[in-house]
Amino acid sequence: CDRIAIIDRGRKIAEGTMKELRQAR
């Protein structure tokens, strides 16, 4: 995937490229 959305219990909690997801954390 170029972009990933992480869904937890039916809610999107994060979205972005791997680089963006790493930066968010």
PDBML (XML) file of the C-alpha atoms, coordinates in Angstrom:
<?xml version="1.0" encoding="UTF-8" ?>
<PDBx:datablock datablockName="MODEL"
   xmlns:PDBx="http://pdbml.pdb.org/schema/pdbx-v50.xsd"
   xmlns:xsi="http://www.w3.org/2001/XMLSchema-instance"
   xsi:schemaLocation="http://pdbml.pdb.org/schema/pdbx-v50.xsd pdbx-v50.xsd">
   <PDBx:atom_siteCategory>
      <PDBx:atom_site id="1">
         <PDBx:B_iso_or_equiv>0.00</PDBx:B_iso_or_equiv>
         <PDBx:Cartn_x>0.000</PDBx:Cartn_x>
         <PDBx:Cartn_y>0.000</PDBx:Cartn_y>
         <PDBx:Cartn_z>0.000</PDBx:Cartn_z>
         <PDBx:auth_asym_id>A</PDBx:auth_asym_id>
         <PDBx:auth_atom_id>CA</PDBx:auth_atom_id>
         <PDBx:auth_comp_id>CYS</PDBx:auth_comp_id>
         <PDBx:auth_seq_id>1</PDBx:auth_seq_id>
         <PDBx:group_PDB>ATOM</PDBx:group_PDB>
         <PDBx:label_alt_id xsi:nil="true" />
         <PDBx:label_asym_id>A</PDBx:label_asym_id>
         <PDBx:label_atom_id>CA</PDBx:label_atom_id>
         <PDBx:label_comp_id>CYS</PDBx:label_comp_id>
         <PDBx:label_entity_id>1</PDBx:label_entity_id>
         <PDBx:label_seq_id>1</PDBx:label_seq_id>
         <PDBx:occupancy>1.00</PDBx:occupancy>
         <PDBx:pdbx_PDB_model_num>1</PDBx:pdbx_PDB_model_num>
         <PDBx:type_symbol>C</PDBx:type_symbol>
      </PDBx:atom_site>
      <PDBx:atom_site id="2">
         <PDBx:B_iso_or_equiv>0.00</PDBx:B_iso_or_equiv>
         <PDBx:Cartn_x>1.004</PDBx:Cartn_x>
         <PDBx:Cartn_y>3.542</PDBx:Cartn_y>
         <PDBx:Cartn_z>-0.785</PDBx:Cartn_z>
         <PDBx:auth_asym_id>A</PDBx:auth_asym_id>
         <PDBx:auth_atom_id>CA</PDBx:auth_atom_id>
         <PDBx:auth_comp_id>ASP</PDBx:auth_comp_id>
         <PDBx:auth_seq_id>2</PDBx:auth_seq_id>
         <PDBx:group_PDB>ATOM</PDBx:group_PDB>
         <PDBx:label_alt_id xsi:nil="true" />
         <PDBx:label_asym_id>A</PDBx:label_asym_id>
         <PDBx:label_atom_id>CA</PDBx:label_atom_id>
         <PDBx:label_comp_id>ASP</PDBx:label_comp_id>
         <PDBx:label_entity_id>1</PDBx:label_entity_id>
         <PDBx:label_seq_id>2</PDBx:label_seq_id>
         <PDBx:occupancy>1.00</PDBx:occupancy>
         <PDBx:pdbx_PDB_model_num>1</PDBx:pdbx_PDB_model_num>
         <PDBx:type_symbol>C</PDBx:type_symbol>
      </PDBx:atom_site>
      <PDBx:atom_site id="3">
         <PDBx:B_iso_or_equiv>0.00</PDBx:B_iso_or_equiv>
         <PDBx:Cartn_x>-1.404</PDBx:Cartn_x>
         <PDBx:Cartn_y>4.785</PDBx:Cartn_y>
         <PDBx:Cartn_z>1.908</PDBx:Cartn_z>
         <PDBx:auth_asym_id>A</PDBx:auth_asym_id>
         <PDBx:auth_atom_id>CA</PDBx:auth_atom_id>
         <PDBx:auth_comp_id>ARG</PDBx:auth_comp_id>
         <PDBx:auth_seq_id>3</PDBx:auth_seq_id>
         <PDBx:group_PDB>ATOM</PDBx:group_PDB>
         <PDBx:label_alt_id xsi:nil="true" />
         <PDBx:label_asym_id>A</PDBx:label_asym_id>
         <PDBx:label_atom_id>CA</PDBx:label_atom_id>
         <PDBx:label_comp_id>ARG</PDBx:label_comp_id>
         <PDBx:label_entity_id>1</PDBx:label_entity_id>
         <PDBx:label_seq_id>3</PDBx:label_seq_id>
         <PDBx:occupancy>1.00</PDBx:occupancy>
         <PDBx:pdbx_PDB_model_num>1</PDBx:pdbx_PDB_model_num>
         <PDBx:type_symbol>C</PDBx:type_symbol>
      </PDBx:atom_site>
      <PDBx:atom_site id="4">
         <PDBx:B_iso_or_equiv>0.00</PDBx:B_iso_or_equiv>
         <PDBx:Cartn_x>-2.759</PDBx:Cartn_x>
         <PDBx:Cartn_y>2.917</PDBx:Cartn_y>
         <PDBx:Cartn_z>4.913</PDBx:Cartn_z>
         <PDBx:auth_asym_id>A</PDBx:auth_asym_id>
         <PDBx:auth_atom_id>CA</PDBx:auth_atom_id>
         <PDBx:auth_comp_id>ILE</PDBx:auth_comp_id>
         <PDBx:auth_seq_id>4</PDBx:auth_seq_id>
         <PDBx:group_PDB>ATOM</PDBx:group_PDB>
         <PDBx:label_alt_id xsi:nil="true" />
         <PDBx:label_asym_id>A</PDBx:label_asym_id>
         <PDBx:label_atom_id>CA</PDBx:label_atom_id>
         <PDBx:label_comp_id>ILE</PDBx:label_comp_id>
         <PDBx:label_entity_id>1</PDBx:label_entity_id>
         <PDBx:label_seq_id>4</PDBx:label_seq_id>
         <PDBx:occupancy>1.00</PDBx:occupancy>
         <PDBx:pdbx_PDB_model_num>1</PDBx:pdbx_PDB_model_num>
         <PDBx:type_symbol>C</PDBx:type_symbol>
      </PDBx:atom_site>
      <PDBx:atom_site id="5">
         <PDBx:B_iso_or_equiv>0.00</PDBx:B_iso_or_equiv>
         <PDBx:Cartn_x>-5.776</PDBx:Cartn_x>
         <PDBx:Cartn_y>3.550</PDBx:Cartn_y>
         <PDBx:Cartn_z>7.122</PDBx:Cartn_z>
         <PDBx:auth_asym_id>A</PDBx:auth_asym_id>
         <PDBx:auth_atom_id>CA</PDBx:auth_atom_id>
         <PDBx:auth_comp_id>ALA</PDBx:auth_comp_id>
         <PDBx:auth_seq_id>5</PDBx:auth_seq_id>
         <PDBx:group_PDB>ATOM</PDBx:group_PDB>
         <PDBx:label_alt_id xsi:nil="true" />
         <PDBx:label_asym_id>A</PDBx:label_asym_id>
         <PDBx:label_atom_id>CA</PDBx:label_atom_id>
         <PDBx:label_comp_id>ALA</PDBx:label_comp_id>
         <PDBx:label_entity_id>1</PDBx:label_entity_id>
         <PDBx:label_seq_id>5</PDBx:label_seq_id>
         <PDBx:occupancy>1.00</PDBx:occupancy>
         <PDBx:pdbx_PDB_model_num>1</PDBx:pdbx_PDB_model_num>
         <PDBx:type_symbol>C</PDBx:type_symbol>
      </PDBx:atom_site>
      <PDBx:atom_site id="6">
         <PDBx:B_iso_or_equiv>0.00</PDBx:B_iso_or_equiv>
         <PDBx:Cartn_x>-5.795</PDBx:Cartn_x>
         <PDBx:Cartn_y>1.867</PDBx:Cartn_y>
         <PDBx:Cartn_z>10.513</PDBx:Cartn_z>
         <PDBx:auth_asym_id>A</PDBx:auth_asym_id>
         <PDBx:auth_atom_id>CA</PDBx:auth_atom_id>
         <PDBx:auth_comp_id>ILE</PDBx:auth_comp_id>
         <PDBx:auth_seq_id>6</PDBx:auth_seq_id>
         <PDBx:group_PDB>ATOM</PDBx:group_PDB>
         <PDBx:label_alt_id xsi:nil="true" />
         <PDBx:label_asym_id>A</PDBx:label_asym_id>
         <PDBx:label_atom_id>CA</PDBx:label_atom_id>
         <PDBx:label_comp_id>ILE</PDBx:label_comp_id>
         <PDBx:label_entity_id>1</PDBx:label_entity_id>
         <PDBx:label_seq_id>6</PDBx:label_seq_id>
         <PDBx:occupancy>1.00</PDBx:occupancy>
         <PDBx:pdbx_PDB_model_num>1</PDBx:pdbx_PDB_model_num>
         <PDBx:type_symbol>C</PDBx:type_symbol>
      </PDBx:atom_site>
      <PDBx:atom_site id="7">
         <PDBx:B_iso_or_equiv>0.00</PDBx:B_iso_or_equiv>
         <PDBx:Cartn_x>-9.253</PDBx:Cartn_x>
         <PDBx:Cartn_y>1.011</PDBx:Cartn_y>
         <PDBx:Cartn_z>11.736</PDBx:Cartn_z>
         <PDBx:auth_asym_id>A</PDBx:auth_asym_id>
         <PDBx:auth_atom_id>CA</PDBx:auth_atom_id>
         <PDBx:auth_comp_id>ILE</PDBx:auth_comp_id>
         <PDBx:auth_seq_id>7</PDBx:auth_seq_id>
         <PDBx:group_PDB>ATOM</PDBx:group_PDB>
         <PDBx:label_alt_id xsi:nil="true" />
         <PDBx:label_asym_id>A</PDBx:label_asym_id>
         <PDBx:label_atom_id>CA</PDBx:label_atom_id>
         <PDBx:label_comp_id>ILE</PDBx:label_comp_id>
         <PDBx:label_entity_id>1</PDBx:label_entity_id>
         <PDBx:label_seq_id>7</PDBx:label_seq_id>
         <PDBx:occupancy>1.00</PDBx:occupancy>
         <PDBx:pdbx_PDB_model_num>1</PDBx:pdbx_PDB_model_num>
         <PDBx:type_symbol>C</PDBx:type_symbol>
      </PDBx:atom_site>
      <PDBx:atom_site id="8">
         <PDBx:B_iso_or_equiv>0.00</PDBx:B_iso_or_equiv>
         <PDBx:Cartn_x>-9.861</PDBx:Cartn_x>
         <PDBx:Cartn_y>-0.016</PDBx:Cartn_y>
         <PDBx:Cartn_z>15.335</PDBx:Cartn_z>
         <PDBx:auth_asym_id>A</PDBx:auth_asym_id>
         <PDBx:auth_atom_id>CA</PDBx:auth_atom_id>
         <PDBx:auth_comp_id>ASP</PDBx:auth_comp_id>
         <PDBx:auth_seq_id>8</PDBx:auth_seq_id>
         <PDBx:group_PDB>ATOM</PDBx:group_PDB>
         <PDBx:label_alt_id xsi:nil="true" />
         <PDBx:label_asym_id>A</PDBx:label_asym_id>
         <PDBx:label_atom_id>CA</PDBx:label_atom_id>
         <PDBx:label_comp_id>ASP</PDBx:label_comp_id>
         <PDBx:label_entity_id>1</PDBx:label_entity_id>
         <PDBx:label_seq_id>8</PDBx:label_seq_id>
         <PDBx:occupancy>1.00</PDBx:occupancy>
         <PDBx:pdbx_PDB_model_num>1</PDBx:pdbx_PDB_model_num>
         <PDBx:type_symbol>C</PDBx:type_symbol>
      </PDBx:atom_site>
      <PDBx:atom_site id="9">
         <PDBx:B_iso_or_equiv>0.00</PDBx:B_iso_or_equiv>
         <PDBx:Cartn_x>-13.324</PDBx:Cartn_x>
         <PDBx:Cartn_y>-1.130</PDBx:Cartn_y>
         <PDBx:Cartn_z>16.437</PDBx:Cartn_z>
         <PDBx:auth_asym_id>A</PDBx:auth_asym_id>
         <PDBx:auth_atom_id>CA</PDBx:auth_atom_id>
         <PDBx:auth_comp_id>ARG</PDBx:auth_comp_id>
         <PDBx:auth_seq_id>9</PDBx:auth_seq_id>
         <PDBx:group_PDB>ATOM</PDBx:group_PDB>
         <PDBx:label_alt_id xsi:nil="true" />
         <PDBx:label_asym_id>A</PDBx:label_asym_id>
         <PDBx:label_atom_id>CA</PDBx:label_atom_id>
         <PDBx:label_comp_id>ARG</PDBx:label_comp_id>
         <PDBx:label_entity_id>1</PDBx:label_entity_id>
         <PDBx:label_seq_id>9</PDBx:label_seq_id>
         <PDBx:occupancy>1.00</PDBx:occupancy>
         <PDBx:pdbx_PDB_model_num>1</PDBx:pdbx_PDB_model_num>
         <PDBx:type_symbol>C</PDBx:type_symbol>
      </PDBx:atom_site>
      <PDBx:atom_site id="10">
         <PDBx:B_iso_or_equiv>0.00</PDBx:B_iso_or_equiv>
         <PDBx:Cartn_x>-14.930</PDBx:Cartn_x>
         <PDBx:Cartn_y>0.423</PDBx:Cartn_y>
         <PDBx:Cartn_z>13.392</PDBx:Cartn_z>
         <PDBx:auth_asym_id>A</PDBx:auth_asym_id>
         <PDBx:auth_atom_id>CA</PDBx:auth_atom_id>
         <PDBx:auth_comp_id>GLY</PDBx:auth_comp_id>
         <PDBx:auth_seq_id>10</PDBx:auth_seq_id>
         <PDBx:group_PDB>ATOM</PDBx:group_PDB>
         <PDBx:label_alt_id xsi:nil="true" />
         <PDBx:label_asym_id>A</PDBx:label_asym_id>
         <PDBx:label_atom_id>CA</PDBx:label_atom_id>
         <PDBx:label_comp_id>GLY</PDBx:label_comp_id>
         <PDBx:label_entity_id>1</PDBx:label_entity_id>
         <PDBx:label_seq_id>10</PDBx:label_seq_id>
         <PDBx:occupancy>1.00</PDBx:occupancy>
         <PDBx:pdbx_PDB_model_num>1</PDBx:pdbx_PDB_model_num>
         <PDBx:type_symbol>C</PDBx:type_symbol>
      </PDBx:atom_site>
      <PDBx:atom_site id="11">
         <PDBx:B_iso_or_equiv>0.00</PDBx:B_iso_or_equiv>
         <PDBx:Cartn_x>-13.202</PDBx:Cartn_x>
         <PDBx:Cartn_y>3.802</PDBx:Cartn_y>
         <PDBx:Cartn_z>13.705</PDBx:Cartn_z>
         <PDBx:auth_asym_id>A</PDBx:auth_asym_id>
         <PDBx:auth_atom_id>CA</PDBx:auth_atom_id>
         <PDBx:auth_comp_id>ARG</PDBx:auth_comp_id>
         <PDBx:auth_seq_id>11</PDBx:auth_seq_id>
         <PDBx:group_PDB>ATOM</PDBx:group_PDB>
         <PDBx:label_alt_id xsi:nil="true" />
         <PDBx:label_asym_id>A</PDBx:label_asym_id>
         <PDBx:label_atom_id>CA</PDBx:label_atom_id>
         <PDBx:label_comp_id>ARG</PDBx:label_comp_id>
         <PDBx:label_entity_id>1</PDBx:label_entity_id>
         <PDBx:label_seq_id>11</PDBx:label_seq_id>
         <PDBx:occupancy>1.00</PDBx:occupancy>
         <PDBx:pdbx_PDB_model_num>1</PDBx:pdbx_PDB_model_num>
         <PDBx:type_symbol>C</PDBx:type_symbol>
      </PDBx:atom_site>
      <PDBx:atom_site id="12">
         <PDBx:B_iso_or_equiv>0.00</PDBx:B_iso_or_equiv>
         <PDBx:Cartn_x>-10.357</PDBx:Cartn_x>
         <PDBx:Cartn_y>5.127</PDBx:Cartn_y>
         <PDBx:Cartn_z>11.605</PDBx:Cartn_z>
         <PDBx:auth_asym_id>A</PDBx:auth_asym_id>
         <PDBx:auth_atom_id>CA</PDBx:auth_atom_id>
         <PDBx:auth_comp_id>LYS</PDBx:auth_comp_id>
         <PDBx:auth_seq_id>12</PDBx:auth_seq_id>
         <PDBx:group_PDB>ATOM</PDBx:group_PDB>
         <PDBx:label_alt_id xsi:nil="true" />
         <PDBx:label_asym_id>A</PDBx:label_asym_id>
         <PDBx:label_atom_id>CA</PDBx:label_atom_id>
         <PDBx:label_comp_id>LYS</PDBx:label_comp_id>
         <PDBx:label_entity_id>1</PDBx:label_entity_id>
         <PDBx:label_seq_id>12</PDBx:label_seq_id>
         <PDBx:occupancy>1.00</PDBx:occupancy>
         <PDBx:pdbx_PDB_model_num>1</PDBx:pdbx_PDB_model_num>
         <PDBx:type_symbol>C</PDBx:type_symbol>
      </PDBx:atom_site>
      <PDBx:atom_site id="13">
         <PDBx:B_iso_or_equiv>0.00</PDBx:B_iso_or_equiv>
         <PDBx:Cartn_x>-7.637</PDBx:Cartn_x>
         <PDBx:Cartn_y>6.138</PDBx:Cartn_y>
         <PDBx:Cartn_z>14.047</PDBx:Cartn_z>
         <PDBx:auth_asym_id>A</PDBx:auth_asym_id>
         <PDBx:auth_atom_id>CA</PDBx:auth_atom_id>
         <PDBx:auth_comp_id>ILE</PDBx:auth_comp_id>
         <PDBx:auth_seq_id>13</PDBx:auth_seq_id>
         <PDBx:group_PDB>ATOM</PDBx:group_PDB>
         <PDBx:label_alt_id xsi:nil="true" />
         <PDBx:label_asym_id>A</PDBx:label_asym_id>
         <PDBx:label_atom_id>CA</PDBx:label_atom_id>
         <PDBx:label_comp_id>ILE</PDBx:label_comp_id>
         <PDBx:label_entity_id>1</PDBx:label_entity_id>
         <PDBx:label_seq_id>13</PDBx:label_seq_id>
         <PDBx:occupancy>1.00</PDBx:occupancy>
         <PDBx:pdbx_PDB_model_num>1</PDBx:pdbx_PDB_model_num>
         <PDBx:type_symbol>C</PDBx:type_symbol>
      </PDBx:atom_site>
      <PDBx:atom_site id="14">
         <PDBx:B_iso_or_equiv>0.00</PDBx:B_iso_or_equiv>
         <PDBx:Cartn_x>-4.802</PDBx:Cartn_x>
         <PDBx:Cartn_y>6.885</PDBx:Cartn_y>
         <PDBx:Cartn_z>11.618</PDBx:Cartn_z>
         <PDBx:auth_asym_id>A</PDBx:auth_asym_id>
         <PDBx:auth_atom_id>CA</PDBx:auth_atom_id>
         <PDBx:auth_comp_id>ALA</PDBx:auth_comp_id>
         <PDBx:auth_seq_id>14</PDBx:auth_seq_id>
         <PDBx:group_PDB>ATOM</PDBx:group_PDB>
         <PDBx:label_alt_id xsi:nil="true" />
         <PDBx:label_asym_id>A</PDBx:label_asym_id>
         <PDBx:label_atom_id>CA</PDBx:label_atom_id>
         <PDBx:label_comp_id>ALA</PDBx:label_comp_id>
         <PDBx:label_entity_id>1</PDBx:label_entity_id>
         <PDBx:label_seq_id>14</PDBx:label_seq_id>
         <PDBx:occupancy>1.00</PDBx:occupancy>
         <PDBx:pdbx_PDB_model_num>1</PDBx:pdbx_PDB_model_num>
         <PDBx:type_symbol>C</PDBx:type_symbol>
      </PDBx:atom_site>
      <PDBx:atom_site id="15">
         <PDBx:B_iso_or_equiv>0.00</PDBx:B_iso_or_equiv>
         <PDBx:Cartn_x>-4.167</PDBx:Cartn_x>
         <PDBx:Cartn_y>7.279</PDBx:Cartn_y>
         <PDBx:Cartn_z>7.918</PDBx:Cartn_z>
         <PDBx:auth_asym_id>A</PDBx:auth_asym_id>
         <PDBx:auth_atom_id>CA</PDBx:auth_atom_id>
         <PDBx:auth_comp_id>GLU</PDBx:auth_comp_id>
         <PDBx:auth_seq_id>15</PDBx:auth_seq_id>
         <PDBx:group_PDB>ATOM</PDBx:group_PDB>
         <PDBx:label_alt_id xsi:nil="true" />
         <PDBx:label_asym_id>A</PDBx:label_asym_id>
         <PDBx:label_atom_id>CA</PDBx:label_atom_id>
         <PDBx:label_comp_id>GLU</PDBx:label_comp_id>
         <PDBx:label_entity_id>1</PDBx:label_entity_id>
         <PDBx:label_seq_id>15</PDBx:label_seq_id>
         <PDBx:occupancy>1.00</PDBx:occupancy>
         <PDBx:pdbx_PDB_model_num>1</PDBx:pdbx_PDB_model_num>
         <PDBx:type_symbol>C</PDBx:type_symbol>
      </PDBx:atom_site>
      <PDBx:atom_site id="16">
         <PDBx:B_iso_or_equiv>0.00</PDBx:B_iso_or_equiv>
         <PDBx:Cartn_x>-1.144</PDBx:Cartn_x>
         <PDBx:Cartn_y>8.019</PDBx:Cartn_y>
         <PDBx:Cartn_z>5.789</PDBx:Cartn_z>
         <PDBx:auth_asym_id>A</PDBx:auth_asym_id>
         <PDBx:auth_atom_id>CA</PDBx:auth_atom_id>
         <PDBx:auth_comp_id>GLY</PDBx:auth_comp_id>
         <PDBx:auth_seq_id>16</PDBx:auth_seq_id>
         <PDBx:group_PDB>ATOM</PDBx:group_PDB>
         <PDBx:label_alt_id xsi:nil="true" />
         <PDBx:label_asym_id>A</PDBx:label_asym_id>
         <PDBx:label_atom_id>CA</PDBx:label_atom_id>
         <PDBx:label_comp_id>GLY</PDBx:label_comp_id>
         <PDBx:label_entity_id>1</PDBx:label_entity_id>
         <PDBx:label_seq_id>16</PDBx:label_seq_id>
         <PDBx:occupancy>1.00</PDBx:occupancy>
         <PDBx:pdbx_PDB_model_num>1</PDBx:pdbx_PDB_model_num>
         <PDBx:type_symbol>C</PDBx:type_symbol>
      </PDBx:atom_site>
      <PDBx:atom_site id="17">
         <PDBx:B_iso_or_equiv>0.00</PDBx:B_iso_or_equiv>
         <PDBx:Cartn_x>1.985</PDBx:Cartn_x>
         <PDBx:Cartn_y>6.673</PDBx:Cartn_y>
         <PDBx:Cartn_z>4.202</PDBx:Cartn_z>
         <PDBx:auth_asym_id>A</PDBx:auth_asym_id>
         <PDBx:auth_atom_id>CA</PDBx:auth_atom_id>
         <PDBx:auth_comp_id>THR</PDBx:auth_comp_id>
         <PDBx:auth_seq_id>17</PDBx:auth_seq_id>
         <PDBx:group_PDB>ATOM</PDBx:group_PDB>
         <PDBx:label_alt_id xsi:nil="true" />
         <PDBx:label_asym_id>A</PDBx:label_asym_id>
         <PDBx:label_atom_id>CA</PDBx:label_atom_id>
         <PDBx:label_comp_id>THR</PDBx:label_comp_id>
         <PDBx:label_entity_id>1</PDBx:label_entity_id>
         <PDBx:label_seq_id>17</PDBx:label_seq_id>
         <PDBx:occupancy>1.00</PDBx:occupancy>
         <PDBx:pdbx_PDB_model_num>1</PDBx:pdbx_PDB_model_num>
         <PDBx:type_symbol>C</PDBx:type_symbol>
      </PDBx:atom_site>
      <PDBx:atom_site id="18">
         <PDBx:B_iso_or_equiv>0.00</PDBx:B_iso_or_equiv>
         <PDBx:Cartn_x>4.289</PDBx:Cartn_x>
         <PDBx:Cartn_y>4.526</PDBx:Cartn_y>
         <PDBx:Cartn_z>6.302</PDBx:Cartn_z>
         <PDBx:auth_asym_id>A</PDBx:auth_asym_id>
         <PDBx:auth_atom_id>CA</PDBx:auth_atom_id>
         <PDBx:auth_comp_id>MET</PDBx:auth_comp_id>
         <PDBx:auth_seq_id>18</PDBx:auth_seq_id>
         <PDBx:group_PDB>ATOM</PDBx:group_PDB>
         <PDBx:label_alt_id xsi:nil="true" />
         <PDBx:label_asym_id>A</PDBx:label_asym_id>
         <PDBx:label_atom_id>CA</PDBx:label_atom_id>
         <PDBx:label_comp_id>MET</PDBx:label_comp_id>
         <PDBx:label_entity_id>1</PDBx:label_entity_id>
         <PDBx:label_seq_id>18</PDBx:label_seq_id>
         <PDBx:occupancy>1.00</PDBx:occupancy>
         <PDBx:pdbx_PDB_model_num>1</PDBx:pdbx_PDB_model_num>
         <PDBx:type_symbol>C</PDBx:type_symbol>
      </PDBx:atom_site>
      <PDBx:atom_site id="19">
         <PDBx:B_iso_or_equiv>0.00</PDBx:B_iso_or_equiv>
         <PDBx:Cartn_x>6.498</PDBx:Cartn_x>
         <PDBx:Cartn_y>7.593</PDBx:Cartn_y>
         <PDBx:Cartn_z>6.781</PDBx:Cartn_z>
         <PDBx:auth_asym_id>A</PDBx:auth_asym_id>
         <PDBx:auth_atom_id>CA</PDBx:auth_atom_id>
         <PDBx:auth_comp_id>LYS</PDBx:auth_comp_id>
         <PDBx:auth_seq_id>19</PDBx:auth_seq_id>
         <PDBx:group_PDB>ATOM</PDBx:group_PDB>
         <PDBx:label_alt_id xsi:nil="true" />
         <PDBx:label_asym_id>A</PDBx:label_asym_id>
         <PDBx:label_atom_id>CA</PDBx:label_atom_id>
         <PDBx:label_comp_id>LYS</PDBx:label_comp_id>
         <PDBx:label_entity_id>1</PDBx:label_entity_id>
         <PDBx:label_seq_id>19</PDBx:label_seq_id>
         <PDBx:occupancy>1.00</PDBx:occupancy>
         <PDBx:pdbx_PDB_model_num>1</PDBx:pdbx_PDB_model_num>
         <PDBx:type_symbol>C</PDBx:type_symbol>
      </PDBx:atom_site>
      <PDBx:atom_site id="20">
         <PDBx:B_iso_or_equiv>0.00</PDBx:B_iso_or_equiv>
         <PDBx:Cartn_x>3.525</PDBx:Cartn_x>
         <PDBx:Cartn_y>9.669</PDBx:Cartn_y>
         <PDBx:Cartn_z>7.958</PDBx:Cartn_z>
         <PDBx:auth_asym_id>A</PDBx:auth_asym_id>
         <PDBx:auth_atom_id>CA</PDBx:auth_atom_id>
         <PDBx:auth_comp_id>GLU</PDBx:auth_comp_id>
         <PDBx:auth_seq_id>20</PDBx:auth_seq_id>
         <PDBx:group_PDB>ATOM</PDBx:group_PDB>
         <PDBx:label_alt_id xsi:nil="true" />
         <PDBx:label_asym_id>A</PDBx:label_asym_id>
         <PDBx:label_atom_id>CA</PDBx:label_atom_id>
         <PDBx:label_comp_id>GLU</PDBx:label_comp_id>
         <PDBx:label_entity_id>1</PDBx:label_entity_id>
         <PDBx:label_seq_id>20</PDBx:label_seq_id>
         <PDBx:occupancy>1.00</PDBx:occupancy>
         <PDBx:pdbx_PDB_model_num>1</PDBx:pdbx_PDB_model_num>
         <PDBx:type_symbol>C</PDBx:type_symbol>
      </PDBx:atom_site>
      <PDBx:atom_site id="21">
         <PDBx:B_iso_or_equiv>0.00</PDBx:B_iso_or_equiv>
         <PDBx:Cartn_x>2.354</PDBx:Cartn_x>
         <PDBx:Cartn_y>6.938</PDBx:Cartn_y>
         <PDBx:Cartn_z>10.332</PDBx:Cartn_z>
         <PDBx:auth_asym_id>A</PDBx:auth_asym_id>
         <PDBx:auth_atom_id>CA</PDBx:auth_atom_id>
         <PDBx:auth_comp_id>LEU</PDBx:auth_comp_id>
         <PDBx:auth_seq_id>21</PDBx:auth_seq_id>
         <PDBx:group_PDB>ATOM</PDBx:group_PDB>
         <PDBx:label_alt_id xsi:nil="true" />
         <PDBx:label_asym_id>A</PDBx:label_asym_id>
         <PDBx:label_atom_id>CA</PDBx:label_atom_id>
         <PDBx:label_comp_id>LEU</PDBx:label_comp_id>
         <PDBx:label_entity_id>1</PDBx:label_entity_id>
         <PDBx:label_seq_id>21</PDBx:label_seq_id>
         <PDBx:occupancy>1.00</PDBx:occupancy>
         <PDBx:pdbx_PDB_model_num>1</PDBx:pdbx_PDB_model_num>
         <PDBx:type_symbol>C</PDBx:type_symbol>
      </PDBx:atom_site>
      <PDBx:atom_site id="22">
         <PDBx:B_iso_or_equiv>0.00</PDBx:B_iso_or_equiv>
         <PDBx:Cartn_x>5.854</PDBx:Cartn_x>
         <PDBx:Cartn_y>6.677</PDBx:Cartn_y>
         <PDBx:Cartn_z>11.794</PDBx:Cartn_z>
         <PDBx:auth_asym_id>A</PDBx:auth_asym_id>
         <PDBx:auth_atom_id>CA</PDBx:auth_atom_id>
         <PDBx:auth_comp_id>ARG</PDBx:auth_comp_id>
         <PDBx:auth_seq_id>22</PDBx:auth_seq_id>
         <PDBx:group_PDB>ATOM</PDBx:group_PDB>
         <PDBx:label_alt_id xsi:nil="true" />
         <PDBx:label_asym_id>A</PDBx:label_asym_id>
         <PDBx:label_atom_id>CA</PDBx:label_atom_id>
         <PDBx:label_comp_id>ARG</PDBx:label_comp_id>
         <PDBx:label_entity_id>1</PDBx:label_entity_id>
         <PDBx:label_seq_id>22</PDBx:label_seq_id>
         <PDBx:occupancy>1.00</PDBx:occupancy>
         <PDBx:pdbx_PDB_model_num>1</PDBx:pdbx_PDB_model_num>
         <PDBx:type_symbol>C</PDBx:type_symbol>
      </PDBx:atom_site>
      <PDBx:atom_site id="23">
         <PDBx:B_iso_or_equiv>0.00</PDBx:B_iso_or_equiv>
         <PDBx:Cartn_x>6.035</PDBx:Cartn_x>
         <PDBx:Cartn_y>10.459</PDBx:Cartn_y>
         <PDBx:Cartn_z>12.226</PDBx:Cartn_z>
         <PDBx:auth_asym_id>A</PDBx:auth_asym_id>
         <PDBx:auth_atom_id>CA</PDBx:auth_atom_id>
         <PDBx:auth_comp_id>GLN</PDBx:auth_comp_id>
         <PDBx:auth_seq_id>23</PDBx:auth_seq_id>
         <PDBx:group_PDB>ATOM</PDBx:group_PDB>
         <PDBx:label_alt_id xsi:nil="true" />
         <PDBx:label_asym_id>A</PDBx:label_asym_id>
         <PDBx:label_atom_id>CA</PDBx:label_atom_id>
         <PDBx:label_comp_id>GLN</PDBx:label_comp_id>
         <PDBx:label_entity_id>1</PDBx:label_entity_id>
         <PDBx:label_seq_id>23</PDBx:label_seq_id>
         <PDBx:occupancy>1.00</PDBx:occupancy>
         <PDBx:pdbx_PDB_model_num>1</PDBx:pdbx_PDB_model_num>
         <PDBx:type_symbol>C</PDBx:type_symbol>
      </PDBx:atom_site>
      <PDBx:atom_site id="24">
         <PDBx:B_iso_or_equiv>0.00</PDBx:B_iso_or_equiv>
         <PDBx:Cartn_x>2.611</PDBx:Cartn_x>
         <PDBx:Cartn_y>10.501</PDBx:Cartn_y>
         <PDBx:Cartn_z>13.926</PDBx:Cartn_z>
         <PDBx:auth_asym_id>A</PDBx:auth_asym_id>
         <PDBx:auth_atom_id>CA</PDBx:auth_atom_id>
         <PDBx:auth_comp_id>ALA</PDBx:auth_comp_id>
         <PDBx:auth_seq_id>24</PDBx:auth_seq_id>
         <PDBx:group_PDB>ATOM</PDBx:group_PDB>
         <PDBx:label_alt_id xsi:nil="true" />
         <PDBx:label_asym_id>A</PDBx:label_asym_id>
         <PDBx:label_atom_id>CA</PDBx:label_atom_id>
         <PDBx:label_comp_id>ALA</PDBx:label_comp_id>
         <PDBx:label_entity_id>1</PDBx:label_entity_id>
         <PDBx:label_seq_id>24</PDBx:label_seq_id>
         <PDBx:occupancy>1.00</PDBx:occupancy>
         <PDBx:pdbx_PDB_model_num>1</PDBx:pdbx_PDB_model_num>
         <PDBx:type_symbol>C</PDBx:type_symbol>
      </PDBx:atom_site>
      <PDBx:atom_site id="25">
         <PDBx:B_iso_or_equiv>0.00</PDBx:B_iso_or_equiv>
         <PDBx:Cartn_x>4.061</PDBx:Cartn_x>
         <PDBx:Cartn_y>8.216</PDBx:Cartn_y>
         <PDBx:Cartn_z>16.585</PDBx:Cartn_z>
         <PDBx:auth_asym_id>A</PDBx:auth_asym_id>
         <PDBx:auth_atom_id>CA</PDBx:auth_atom_id>
         <PDBx:auth_comp_id>ARG</PDBx:auth_comp_id>
         <PDBx:auth_seq_id>25</PDBx:auth_seq_id>
         <PDBx:group_PDB>ATOM</PDBx:group_PDB>
         <PDBx:label_alt_id xsi:nil="true" />
         <PDBx:label_asym_id>A</PDBx:label_asym_id>
         <PDBx:label_atom_id>CA</PDBx:label_atom_id>
         <PDBx:label_comp_id>ARG</PDBx:label_comp_id>
         <PDBx:label_entity_id>1</PDBx:label_entity_id>
         <PDBx:label_seq_id>25</PDBx:label_seq_id>
         <PDBx:occupancy>1.00</PDBx:occupancy>
         <PDBx:pdbx_PDB_model_num>1</PDBx:pdbx_PDB_model_num>
         <PDBx:type_symbol>C</PDBx:type_symbol>
      </PDBx:atom_site>
   </PDBx:atom_siteCategory>
</PDBx:datablock>
